[in-house]
């Protein structure tokens, strides 16, 4: 079984993430690529001591970027999770 700290990499504090947290009680996390929804739910409940109602995930492909010359490289692929909490729970981000 994976460690909760290995599944949840960091909290994403973007403009969209802040709007979701204030209005809909949803929080965005950067998670491990091989983590599934059940593991993400358990990790958030364990780390933040909250009740999770739903988990939505999205995978972002790495983008092709040009380097100094005609060579190309790739940015890293990532996985995000949008976690919906119970109405009585919240996470203090700051």
Foldseek 3Di string as FASTA:
>chain_A
DDDLCQFFPAWDDDPVQVVCCVPQVKTKTWGDPPDDFVSNQVSCCVPQVFHWDGKDKDKAFWDWDADDPRDIDTDHITMMMITHTDPVDHGDPD
